[in-house]
Amino acid sequence: MARRLASVGYYVMLPNLYYRQGVMEIGAYLDPGVRERMVALMNTLSIDLVMSDVRALIDFLDADAAARTGSIGVHGYCMSGQFAINARFPTRIAAAASIYGTYLVTDRPDSPHVQAHKTKAELYFACAETDPWASMEDVETLKRSLQSSNVAAEVEVYWGAEHAFAFPSRTAYQKASAERHWERVLALYRRRLG
């Protein structure tokens, strides 16, 4: 995924969000033991922890002569979708996308559906029709919440798609939806980043 984004000319960083646990590779997702370990690792993360990582990534970017200065974009799949939406560095982040993001509507104060109102970035949410991590009820709540403010945001439901539709190695992969999400993310980045 990172290589594909880089292939159109963007400087791309792909952080290992599990480095605090000393994890370098998780293994094959289809293995039930690996899935259990992944969920346990996911539960060690918080939006505050990941935002400290985002700050460090921005500092690294600013120090690298190969990177262009100015606006940046962020996007995340599954559990990192919530982190992308919560990445509020208003002088830098101009575009953020959540691709079948999890925990988009919660009762926590840092819930993405609440925090989205505080951003200056343009937001895009790609939601799968069938998703145990984001029900259609949550998607409708997200839409209503965003419509109640002047946030530049779009919520798109990928009808007929399941959670993880963009990953070619997953059983839920759906090529048409995967290509559609690339079209939408790249259009967002072109509009906001150039």
N, C-alpha and C. Protein backbone atom coordinates (compact mmCIF):
# COMPACT_ATOMS: atom_id res chain seq x y z
N MET A 1 0.84 -1.18 0.00
CA MET A 1 0.00 0.00 0.00
C MET A 1 0.89 1.25 0.00
N ALA A 2 1.92 1.25 0.82
CA ALA A 2 2.82 2.40 0.88
C ALA A 2 3.55 2.58 -0.46
N ARG A 3 3.99 1.48 -1.06
CA ARG A 3 4.69 1.57 -2.34
C ARG A 3 3.77 2.14 -3.42
N ARG A 4 2.51 1.73 -3.39
CA ARG A 4 1.58 2.23 -4.41
C ARG A 4 1.40 3.74 -4.26
N LEU A 5 1.28 4.22 -3.06
CA LEU A 5 1.14 5.66 -2.83
C LEU A 5 2.42 6.39 -3.26
N ALA A 6 3.56 5.82 -2.92
CA ALA A 6 4.83 6.44 -3.31
C ALA A 6 5.01 6.44 -4.83
N SER A 7 4.45 5.45 -5.51
CA SER A 7 4.64 5.34 -6.96
C SER A 7 4.02 6.50 -7.72
N VAL A 8 3.13 7.25 -7.10
CA VAL A 8 2.57 8.42 -7.78
C VAL A 8 3.26 9.71 -7.36
N GLY A 9 4.34 9.59 -6.58
CA GLY A 9 5.18 10.73 -6.29
C GLY A 9 5.14 11.29 -4.89
N TYR A 10 4.42 10.66 -3.99
CA TYR A 10 4.37 11.15 -2.61
C TYR A 10 5.48 10.56 -1.76
N TYR A 11 5.96 11.34 -0.84
CA TYR A 11 6.89 10.89 0.19
C TYR A 11 6.03 10.15 1.22
N VAL A 12 6.33 8.89 1.46
CA VAL A 12 5.46 8.06 2.30
C VAL A 12 6.23 7.51 3.50
N MET A 13 5.60 7.59 4.66
CA MET A 13 6.14 6.97 5.87
C MET A 13 5.09 6.00 6.38
N LEU A 14 5.53 4.81 6.72
CA LEU A 14 4.64 3.78 7.25
C LEU A 14 5.15 3.38 8.62
N PRO A 15 4.55 3.93 9.68
CA PRO A 15 5.07 3.64 11.02
C PRO A 15 4.68 2.26 11.53
N ASN A 16 5.53 1.71 12.35
CA ASN A 16 5.22 0.48 13.08
C ASN A 16 4.59 0.91 14.40
N LEU A 17 3.29 0.85 14.48
CA LEU A 17 2.60 1.31 15.70
C LEU A 17 2.83 0.40 16.89
N TYR A 18 3.39 -0.76 16.67
CA TYR A 18 3.59 -1.73 17.76
C TYR A 18 5.03 -1.75 18.28
N TYR A 19 5.83 -0.78 17.89
CA TYR A 19 7.24 -0.82 18.29
C TYR A 19 7.41 -0.80 19.80
N ARG A 20 6.50 -0.20 20.53
CA ARG A 20 6.62 -0.14 22.00
C ARG A 20 6.58 -1.54 22.61
N GLN A 21 5.96 -2.47 21.89
CA GLN A 21 5.88 -3.85 22.34
C GLN A 21 7.01 -4.71 21.78
N GLY A 22 7.91 -4.08 21.03
CA GLY A 22 9.04 -4.80 20.45
C GLY A 22 8.66 -5.68 19.27
N VAL A 23 7.54 -5.39 18.63
CA VAL A 23 7.04 -6.22 17.53
C VAL A 23 7.51 -5.66 16.21
N MET A 24 8.15 -6.51 15.42
CA MET A 24 8.60 -6.10 14.10
C MET A 24 7.72 -6.69 13.00
N GLU A 25 7.32 -7.92 13.15
CA GLU A 25 6.44 -8.59 12.18
C GLU A 25 5.38 -9.35 12.95
N ILE A 26 4.16 -9.30 12.47
CA ILE A 26 3.07 -9.97 13.18
C ILE A 26 2.84 -11.38 12.63
N GLY A 27 2.94 -11.54 11.33
CA GLY A 27 2.71 -12.84 10.72
C GLY A 27 1.46 -12.84 9.86
N ALA A 28 1.03 -14.01 9.44
CA ALA A 28 -0.11 -14.14 8.54
C ALA A 28 -1.42 -13.92 9.29
N TYR A 29 -2.20 -12.96 8.83
CA TYR A 29 -3.45 -12.57 9.48
C TYR A 29 -4.45 -13.72 9.58
N LEU A 30 -4.44 -14.62 8.61
CA LEU A 30 -5.43 -15.69 8.60
C LEU A 30 -5.23 -16.70 9.72
N ASP A 31 -4.07 -16.74 10.29
CA ASP A 31 -3.80 -17.64 11.42
C ASP A 31 -4.53 -17.10 12.65
N PRO A 32 -5.43 -17.92 13.27
CA PRO A 32 -6.19 -17.43 14.42
C PRO A 32 -5.33 -16.93 15.57
N GLY A 33 -4.20 -17.54 15.82
CA GLY A 33 -3.31 -17.08 16.87
C GLY A 33 -2.75 -15.70 16.58
N VAL A 34 -2.47 -15.46 15.31
CA VAL A 34 -1.95 -14.16 14.90
C VAL A 34 -3.03 -13.09 15.08
N ARG A 35 -4.27 -13.41 14.71
CA ARG A 35 -5.36 -12.44 14.88
C ARG A 35 -5.53 -12.07 16.35
N GLU A 36 -5.48 -13.07 17.24
CA GLU A 36 -5.61 -12.80 18.68
C GLU A 36 -4.47 -11.90 19.15
N ARG A 37 -3.27 -12.17 18.70
CA ARG A 37 -2.12 -11.35 19.09
C ARG A 37 -2.27 -9.93 18.55
N MET A 38 -2.77 -9.80 17.32
CA MET A 38 -2.95 -8.49 16.72
C MET A 38 -3.97 -7.67 17.52
N VAL A 39 -5.07 -8.28 17.89
CA VAL A 39 -6.08 -7.57 18.67
C VAL A 39 -5.51 -7.15 20.02
N ALA A 40 -4.74 -8.02 20.65
CA ALA A 40 -4.11 -7.67 21.92
C ALA A 40 -3.16 -6.48 21.74
N LEU A 41 -2.40 -6.48 20.67
CA LEU A 41 -1.50 -5.36 20.39
C LEU A 41 -2.28 -4.08 20.10
N MET A 42 -3.37 -4.20 19.34
CA MET A 42 -4.20 -3.03 19.04
C MET A 42 -4.70 -2.39 20.33
N ASN A 43 -5.02 -3.21 21.31
CA ASN A 43 -5.57 -2.70 22.56
C ASN A 43 -4.52 -2.00 23.43
N THR A 44 -3.25 -2.07 23.05
CA THR A 44 -2.21 -1.35 23.80
C THR A 44 -2.07 0.09 23.31
N LEU A 45 -2.73 0.42 22.20
CA LEU A 45 -2.58 1.74 21.59
C LEU A 45 -3.67 2.69 22.07
N SER A 46 -3.36 3.96 22.02
CA SER A 46 -4.35 5.00 22.29
C SER A 46 -4.11 6.13 21.29
N ILE A 47 -5.09 6.95 21.15
CA ILE A 47 -4.94 8.09 20.23
C ILE A 47 -3.81 8.99 20.70
N ASP A 48 -3.69 9.21 22.00
CA ASP A 48 -2.59 10.06 22.50
C ASP A 48 -1.22 9.47 22.18
N LEU A 49 -1.06 8.16 22.36
CA LEU A 49 0.23 7.53 22.03
C LEU A 49 0.56 7.70 20.55
N VAL A 50 -0.42 7.43 19.71
CA VAL A 50 -0.16 7.51 18.27
C VAL A 50 0.08 8.96 17.85
N MET A 51 -0.58 9.92 18.49
CA MET A 51 -0.32 11.32 18.13
C MET A 51 1.11 11.73 18.48
N SER A 52 1.68 11.15 19.54
CA SER A 52 3.09 11.44 19.83
C SER A 52 3.97 10.86 18.72
N ASP A 53 3.58 9.73 18.16
CA ASP A 53 4.31 9.17 17.02
C ASP A 53 4.17 10.05 15.78
N VAL A 54 2.97 10.56 15.56
CA VAL A 54 2.74 11.45 14.41
C VAL A 54 3.64 12.68 14.53
N ARG A 55 3.72 13.24 15.72
CA ARG A 55 4.59 14.40 15.94
C ARG A 55 6.04 14.05 15.58
N ALA A 56 6.50 12.87 16.02
CA ALA A 56 7.87 12.43 15.70
C ALA A 56 8.05 12.23 14.19
N LEU A 57 7.03 11.70 13.52
CA LEU A 57 7.11 11.51 12.07
C LEU A 57 7.20 12.85 11.36
N ILE A 58 6.42 13.82 11.81
CA ILE A 58 6.48 15.15 11.20
C ILE A 58 7.85 15.77 11.42
N ASP A 59 8.41 15.62 12.61
CA ASP A 59 9.76 16.14 12.88
C ASP A 59 10.79 15.48 11.97
N PHE A 60 10.68 14.15 11.77
CA PHE A 60 11.58 13.44 10.87
C PHE A 60 11.44 13.97 9.45
N LEU A 61 10.20 14.12 9.01
CA LEU A 61 9.91 14.63 7.67
C LEU A 61 10.54 16.00 7.46
N ASP A 62 10.39 16.88 8.45
CA ASP A 62 10.92 18.23 8.34
C ASP A 62 12.44 18.25 8.27
N ALA A 63 13.09 17.25 8.82
CA ALA A 63 14.55 17.20 8.82
C ALA A 63 15.12 16.52 7.57
N ASP A 64 14.26 15.91 6.76
CA ASP A 64 14.73 15.17 5.59
C ASP A 64 14.69 16.06 4.35
N ALA A 65 15.86 16.32 3.79
CA ALA A 65 15.96 17.19 2.61
C ALA A 65 15.22 16.60 1.41
N ALA A 66 14.97 15.30 1.40
CA ALA A 66 14.27 14.68 0.27
C ALA A 66 12.77 14.94 0.29
N ALA A 67 12.27 15.41 1.41
CA ALA A 67 10.82 15.65 1.55
C ALA A 67 10.49 17.10 1.23
N ARG A 68 9.34 17.29 0.64
CA ARG A 68 8.85 18.63 0.36
C ARG A 68 8.23 19.20 1.64
N THR A 69 8.40 20.45 1.89
CA THR A 69 7.78 21.07 3.05
C THR A 69 6.33 21.42 2.71
N GLY A 70 5.56 21.71 3.70
CA GLY A 70 4.18 22.13 3.47
C GLY A 70 3.18 21.11 3.97
N SER A 71 2.02 21.12 3.35
CA SER A 71 0.90 20.29 3.79
C SER A 71 1.18 18.81 3.58
N ILE A 72 0.62 18.02 4.48
CA ILE A 72 0.75 16.56 4.38
C ILE A 72 -0.63 15.91 4.51
N GLY A 73 -0.69 14.67 4.10
CA GLY A 73 -1.91 13.88 4.22
C GLY A 73 -1.64 12.64 5.04
N VAL A 74 -2.68 12.14 5.66
CA VAL A 74 -2.58 10.90 6.43
C VAL A 74 -3.79 10.04 6.09
N HIS A 75 -3.56 8.75 6.05
CA HIS A 75 -4.72 7.86 5.97
C HIS A 75 -4.41 6.55 6.65
N GLY A 76 -5.48 5.93 7.12
CA GLY A 76 -5.32 4.69 7.86
C GLY A 76 -6.40 3.70 7.51
N TYR A 77 -6.02 2.44 7.62
CA TYR A 77 -6.93 1.33 7.36
C TYR A 77 -7.29 0.69 8.68
N CYS A 78 -8.52 0.23 8.80
CA CYS A 78 -8.97 -0.52 9.97
C CYS A 78 -8.70 0.29 11.23
N MET A 79 -7.96 -0.24 12.17
CA MET A 79 -7.78 0.44 13.46
C MET A 79 -7.03 1.76 13.32
N SER A 80 -6.25 1.94 12.27
CA SER A 80 -5.53 3.20 12.13
C SER A 80 -6.37 4.30 11.48
N GLY A 81 -7.57 3.96 11.02
CA GLY A 81 -8.46 4.98 10.49
C GLY A 81 -8.81 6.03 11.53
N GLN A 82 -9.06 5.58 12.75
CA GLN A 82 -9.37 6.53 13.84
C GLN A 82 -8.18 7.44 14.13
N PHE A 83 -6.98 6.91 13.99
CA PHE A 83 -5.79 7.72 14.25
C PHE A 83 -5.61 8.79 13.17
N ALA A 84 -5.87 8.42 11.92
CA ALA A 84 -5.75 9.39 10.83
C ALA A 84 -6.70 10.57 11.05
N ILE A 85 -7.92 10.28 11.45
CA ILE A 85 -8.90 11.35 11.66
C ILE A 85 -8.53 12.20 12.86
N ASN A 86 -7.91 11.64 13.86
CA ASN A 86 -7.53 12.38 15.06
C ASN A 86 -6.19 13.10 14.92
N ALA A 87 -5.52 12.97 13.79
CA ALA A 87 -4.22 13.61 13.60
C ALA A 87 -4.45 15.09 13.26
N ARG A 88 -4.57 15.88 14.31
CA ARG A 88 -4.87 17.30 14.14
C ARG A 88 -3.61 18.14 14.38
N PHE A 89 -2.89 18.35 13.32
CA PHE A 89 -1.75 19.25 13.32
C PHE A 89 -2.10 20.29 12.26
N PRO A 90 -2.88 21.30 12.64
CA PRO A 90 -3.54 22.15 11.66
C PRO A 90 -2.63 22.89 10.70
N THR A 91 -1.41 23.15 11.11
CA THR A 91 -0.52 23.84 10.18
C THR A 91 0.10 22.89 9.17
N ARG A 92 -0.10 21.59 9.32
CA ARG A 92 0.54 20.62 8.43
C ARG A 92 -0.46 19.68 7.74
N ILE A 93 -1.35 19.07 8.50
CA ILE A 93 -2.22 18.04 7.91
C ILE A 93 -3.41 18.70 7.22
N ALA A 94 -3.46 18.51 5.91
CA ALA A 94 -4.51 19.11 5.09
C ALA A 94 -5.51 18.08 4.58
N ALA A 95 -5.18 16.81 4.71
CA ALA A 95 -6.06 15.75 4.21
C ALA A 95 -5.92 14.52 5.10
N ALA A 96 -7.06 13.91 5.42
CA ALA A 96 -7.04 12.69 6.24
C ALA A 96 -8.14 11.76 5.76
N ALA A 97 -7.80 10.48 5.66
CA ALA A 97 -8.77 9.48 5.20
C ALA A 97 -8.78 8.29 6.13
N SER A 98 -9.97 7.79 6.37
CA SER A 98 -10.19 6.58 7.16
C SER A 98 -10.80 5.54 6.24
N ILE A 99 -10.09 4.45 6.03
CA ILE A 99 -10.58 3.38 5.16
C ILE A 99 -11.05 2.23 6.04
N TYR A 100 -12.33 1.95 6.00
CA TYR A 100 -13.03 1.02 6.90
C TYR A 100 -12.48 1.10 8.32
N GLY A 101 -12.45 2.35 8.80
CA GLY A 101 -11.93 2.62 10.14
C GLY A 101 -12.77 2.02 11.24
N THR A 102 -12.12 1.70 12.34
CA THR A 102 -12.79 1.15 13.51
C THR A 102 -12.98 2.25 14.56
N TYR A 103 -13.91 2.03 15.45
CA TYR A 103 -14.16 2.94 16.57
C TYR A 103 -14.33 4.39 16.11
N LEU A 104 -15.08 4.60 15.03
CA LEU A 104 -15.31 5.95 14.52
C LEU A 104 -16.36 6.69 15.33
N VAL A 105 -17.23 5.94 16.00
CA VAL A 105 -18.27 6.53 16.83
C VAL A 105 -18.23 5.82 18.18
N THR A 106 -17.74 6.52 19.19
CA THR A 106 -17.69 5.97 20.54
C THR A 106 -18.21 7.02 21.51
N ASP A 107 -18.27 6.67 22.77
CA ASP A 107 -18.68 7.64 23.78
C ASP A 107 -17.48 8.33 24.43
N ARG A 108 -16.29 8.11 23.90
CA ARG A 108 -15.08 8.75 24.42
C ARG A 108 -14.95 10.17 23.86
N PRO A 109 -14.33 11.07 24.61
CA PRO A 109 -14.17 12.44 24.11
C PRO A 109 -13.27 12.53 22.87
N ASP A 110 -12.41 11.53 22.65
CA ASP A 110 -11.56 11.56 21.46
C ASP A 110 -12.14 10.74 20.30
N SER A 111 -13.43 10.45 20.37
CA SER A 111 -14.08 9.71 19.29
C SER A 111 -13.91 10.49 17.97
N PRO A 112 -13.54 9.81 16.90
CA PRO A 112 -13.36 10.50 15.63
C PRO A 112 -14.58 11.31 15.18
N HIS A 113 -15.78 10.84 15.47
CA HIS A 113 -16.95 11.59 15.02
C HIS A 113 -17.08 12.92 15.76
N VAL A 114 -16.46 13.03 16.92
CA VAL A 114 -16.44 14.28 17.68
C VAL A 114 -15.22 15.11 17.27
N GLN A 115 -14.06 14.48 17.21
CA GLN A 115 -12.83 15.19 16.91
C GLN A 115 -12.78 15.73 15.49
N ALA A 116 -13.53 15.12 14.59
CA ALA A 116 -13.55 15.59 13.20
C ALA A 116 -13.98 17.04 13.10
N HIS A 117 -14.77 17.50 14.03
CA HIS A 117 -15.24 18.88 14.02
C HIS A 117 -14.13 19.89 14.32
N LYS A 118 -13.00 19.41 14.82
CA LYS A 118 -11.92 20.30 15.24
C LYS A 118 -10.81 20.43 14.21
N THR A 119 -10.94 19.76 13.09
CA THR A 119 -9.87 19.75 12.11
C THR A 119 -10.06 20.82 11.05
N LYS A 120 -8.96 21.20 10.43
CA LYS A 120 -9.00 22.07 9.26
C LYS A 120 -8.77 21.24 7.99
N ALA A 121 -8.43 19.97 8.18
CA ALA A 121 -8.17 19.08 7.05
C ALA A 121 -9.47 18.68 6.37
N GLU A 122 -9.36 18.32 5.10
CA GLU A 122 -10.48 17.70 4.41
C GLU A 122 -10.45 16.21 4.75
N LEU A 123 -11.62 15.66 5.09
CA LEU A 123 -11.71 14.27 5.55
C LEU A 123 -12.47 13.41 4.56
N TYR A 124 -12.04 12.15 4.49
CA TYR A 124 -12.75 11.16 3.67
C TYR A 124 -12.86 9.88 4.46
N PHE A 125 -14.07 9.34 4.51
CA PHE A 125 -14.34 8.08 5.19
C PHE A 125 -14.87 7.08 4.17
N ALA A 126 -14.16 5.98 3.98
CA ALA A 126 -14.61 4.88 3.12
C ALA A 126 -15.10 3.77 4.04
N CYS A 127 -16.40 3.54 4.03
CA CYS A 127 -17.00 2.58 4.97
C CYS A 127 -17.55 1.37 4.21
N ALA A 128 -17.23 0.20 4.69
CA ALA A 128 -17.74 -1.04 4.08
C ALA A 128 -19.18 -1.26 4.50
N GLU A 129 -19.98 -1.78 3.59
CA GLU A 129 -21.37 -2.07 3.93
C GLU A 129 -21.46 -3.09 5.06
N THR A 130 -20.61 -4.11 5.00
CA THR A 130 -20.60 -5.15 6.02
C THR A 130 -19.32 -5.02 6.82
N ASP A 131 -19.46 -4.58 8.07
CA ASP A 131 -18.28 -4.33 8.88
C ASP A 131 -18.61 -4.49 10.36
N PRO A 132 -18.08 -5.53 11.00
CA PRO A 132 -18.36 -5.72 12.43
C PRO A 132 -17.76 -4.61 13.30
N TRP A 133 -16.85 -3.83 12.73
CA TRP A 133 -16.18 -2.76 13.49
C TRP A 133 -16.83 -1.40 13.29
N ALA A 134 -17.72 -1.29 12.32
CA ALA A 134 -18.41 -0.02 12.04
C ALA A 134 -19.76 -0.35 11.42
N SER A 135 -20.76 -0.42 12.26
CA SER A 135 -22.11 -0.76 11.78
C SER A 135 -22.68 0.37 10.93
N MET A 136 -23.70 0.06 10.15
CA MET A 136 -24.35 1.09 9.36
C MET A 136 -24.97 2.15 10.27
N GLU A 137 -25.38 1.77 11.46
CA GLU A 137 -25.90 2.74 12.44
C GLU A 137 -24.80 3.74 12.81
N ASP A 138 -23.58 3.23 13.04
CA ASP A 138 -22.45 4.11 13.34
C ASP A 138 -22.12 5.02 12.15
N VAL A 139 -22.19 4.45 10.96
CA VAL A 139 -21.91 5.24 9.76
C VAL A 139 -22.92 6.37 9.63
N GLU A 140 -24.19 6.09 9.89
CA GLU A 140 -25.22 7.14 9.82
C GLU A 140 -25.00 8.19 10.91
N THR A 141 -24.61 7.77 12.11
CA THR A 141 -24.30 8.72 13.18
C THR A 141 -23.13 9.61 12.77
N LEU A 142 -22.11 9.01 12.17
CA LEU A 142 -20.96 9.77 11.68
C LEU A 142 -21.41 10.79 10.64
N LYS A 143 -22.22 10.38 9.68
CA LYS A 143 -22.69 11.29 8.64
C LYS A 143 -23.45 12.46 9.25
N ARG A 144 -24.39 12.15 10.14
CA ARG A 144 -25.19 13.22 10.77
C ARG A 144 -24.31 14.19 11.55
N SER A 145 -23.35 13.64 12.26
CA SER A 145 -22.45 14.47 13.05
C SER A 145 -21.67 15.42 12.15
N LEU A 146 -21.16 14.92 11.05
CA LEU A 146 -20.36 15.75 10.14
C LEU A 146 -21.22 16.78 9.42
N GLN A 147 -22.45 16.41 9.11
CA GLN A 147 -23.35 17.34 8.42
C GLN A 147 -23.76 18.51 9.32
N SER A 148 -23.67 18.31 10.63
CA SER A 148 -24.08 19.35 11.57
C SER A 148 -23.03 20.45 11.74
N SER A 149 -21.92 20.32 11.06
CA SER A 149 -20.87 21.33 11.16
C SER A 149 -20.38 21.70 9.77
N ASN A 150 -19.42 22.58 9.70
CA ASN A 150 -18.89 22.99 8.40
C ASN A 150 -17.59 22.27 8.05
N VAL A 151 -17.41 21.07 8.56
CA VAL A 151 -16.22 20.28 8.26
C VAL A 151 -16.28 19.82 6.80
N ALA A 152 -15.17 19.96 6.11
CA ALA A 152 -15.08 19.45 4.74
C ALA A 152 -14.86 17.95 4.84
N ALA A 153 -15.94 17.20 4.72
CA ALA A 153 -15.85 15.75 4.92
C ALA A 153 -16.84 15.02 4.03
N GLU A 154 -16.44 13.82 3.64
CA GLU A 154 -17.33 12.94 2.88
C GLU A 154 -17.29 11.55 3.51
N VAL A 155 -18.47 10.98 3.66
CA VAL A 155 -18.60 9.61 4.12
C VAL A 155 -19.19 8.82 2.97
N GLU A 156 -18.47 7.82 2.49
CA GLU A 156 -18.93 7.02 1.36
C GLU A 156 -19.06 5.57 1.80
N VAL A 157 -20.22 4.99 1.53
CA VAL A 157 -20.44 3.57 1.81
C VAL A 157 -20.10 2.78 0.56
N TYR A 158 -19.28 1.77 0.74
CA TYR A 158 -18.91 0.87 -0.35
C TYR A 158 -19.87 -0.32 -0.29
N TRP A 159 -20.97 -0.17 -1.03
CA TRP A 159 -22.01 -1.19 -1.01
C TRP A 159 -21.50 -2.50 -1.56
N GLY A 160 -21.83 -3.58 -0.88
CA GLY A 160 -21.39 -4.91 -1.28
C GLY A 160 -19.99 -5.26 -0.80
N ALA A 161 -19.32 -4.32 -0.15
CA ALA A 161 -17.95 -4.56 0.32
C ALA A 161 -17.96 -4.91 1.81
N GLU A 162 -16.93 -5.67 2.20
CA GLU A 162 -16.74 -6.05 3.60
C GLU A 162 -15.49 -5.36 4.14
N HIS A 163 -15.40 -5.33 5.47
CA HIS A 163 -14.20 -4.81 6.13
C HIS A 163 -12.96 -5.49 5.52
N ALA A 164 -11.95 -4.73 5.27
CA ALA A 164 -10.68 -5.19 4.68
C ALA A 164 -10.74 -5.36 3.17
N PHE A 165 -11.69 -4.71 2.52
CA PHE A 165 -11.86 -4.88 1.07
C PHE A 165 -10.66 -4.39 0.25
N ALA A 166 -9.79 -3.57 0.81
CA ALA A 166 -8.69 -3.00 0.03
C ALA A 166 -7.41 -3.83 0.06
N PHE A 167 -7.32 -4.81 0.96
CA PHE A 167 -6.09 -5.59 1.10
C PHE A 167 -6.13 -6.83 0.21
N PRO A 168 -5.29 -6.89 -0.82
CA PRO A 168 -5.32 -8.04 -1.75
C PRO A 168 -5.11 -9.39 -1.07
N SER A 169 -4.43 -9.43 0.07
CA SER A 169 -4.15 -10.71 0.72
C SER A 169 -5.29 -11.18 1.63
N ARG A 170 -6.34 -10.41 1.77
CA ARG A 170 -7.45 -10.78 2.65
C ARG A 170 -8.59 -11.40 1.84
N THR A 171 -9.33 -12.28 2.49
CA THR A 171 -10.45 -12.95 1.80
C THR A 171 -11.55 -11.96 1.43
N ALA A 172 -11.65 -10.82 2.10
CA ALA A 172 -12.68 -9.82 1.81
C ALA A 172 -12.29 -8.90 0.65
N TYR A 173 -11.10 -9.10 0.09
CA TYR A 173 -10.63 -8.23 -0.98
C TYR A 173 -11.65 -8.15 -2.10
N GLN A 174 -11.91 -6.93 -2.53
CA GLN A 174 -12.83 -6.68 -3.64
C GLN A 174 -12.16 -5.66 -4.55
N LYS A 175 -11.70 -6.11 -5.69
CA LYS A 175 -10.86 -5.28 -6.55
C LYS A 175 -11.52 -3.96 -6.92
N ALA A 176 -12.79 -3.97 -7.31
CA ALA A 176 -13.45 -2.72 -7.72
C ALA A 176 -13.47 -1.71 -6.58
N SER A 177 -13.79 -2.16 -5.39
CA SER A 177 -13.81 -1.25 -4.23
C SER A 177 -12.41 -0.79 -3.86
N ALA A 178 -11.45 -1.71 -3.95
CA ALA A 178 -10.06 -1.35 -3.64
C ALA A 178 -9.58 -0.25 -4.59
N GLU A 179 -9.86 -0.41 -5.88
CA GLU A 179 -9.45 0.61 -6.85
C GLU A 179 -10.21 1.91 -6.63
N ARG A 180 -11.47 1.82 -6.27
CA ARG A 180 -12.26 3.02 -5.99
C ARG A 180 -11.65 3.81 -4.82
N HIS A 181 -11.24 3.11 -3.76
CA HIS A 181 -10.68 3.84 -2.63
C HIS A 181 -9.38 4.54 -3.02
N TRP A 182 -8.59 3.89 -3.90
CA TRP A 182 -7.36 4.55 -4.36
C TRP A 182 -7.70 5.81 -5.15
N GLU A 183 -8.70 5.74 -6.02
CA GLU A 183 -9.12 6.91 -6.78
C GLU A 183 -9.52 8.05 -5.85
N ARG A 184 -10.29 7.72 -4.82
CA ARG A 184 -10.81 8.74 -3.90
C ARG A 184 -9.69 9.33 -3.03
N VAL A 185 -8.79 8.50 -2.51
CA VAL A 185 -7.70 9.01 -1.67
C VAL A 185 -6.75 9.86 -2.50
N LEU A 186 -6.40 9.39 -3.69
CA LEU A 186 -5.49 10.16 -4.52
C LEU A 186 -6.11 11.48 -4.98
N ALA A 187 -7.41 11.48 -5.25
CA ALA A 187 -8.08 12.74 -5.61
C ALA A 187 -8.06 13.71 -4.43
N LEU A 188 -8.28 13.20 -3.24
CA LEU A 188 -8.20 14.01 -2.02
C LEU A 188 -6.81 14.62 -1.88
N TYR A 189 -5.79 13.80 -2.05
CA TYR A 189 -4.42 14.29 -1.91
C TYR A 189 -4.08 15.30 -3.01
N ARG A 190 -4.53 15.07 -4.23
CA ARG A 190 -4.26 16.05 -5.29
C ARG A 190 -4.92 17.39 -4.97
N ARG A 191 -6.15 17.35 -4.46
CA ARG A 191 -6.85 18.59 -4.13
C ARG A 191 -6.16 19.36 -3.02
N ARG A 192 -5.72 18.64 -2.00
CA ARG A 192 -5.23 19.31 -0.80
C ARG A 192 -3.71 19.41 -0.70
N LEU A 193 -3.00 18.54 -1.41
CA LEU A 193 -1.53 18.51 -1.30
C LEU A 193 -0.83 18.87 -2.60
N GLY A 194 -1.50 18.70 -3.69
CA GLY A 194 -0.88 18.94 -5.00
C GLY A 194 -0.31 17.69 -5.60
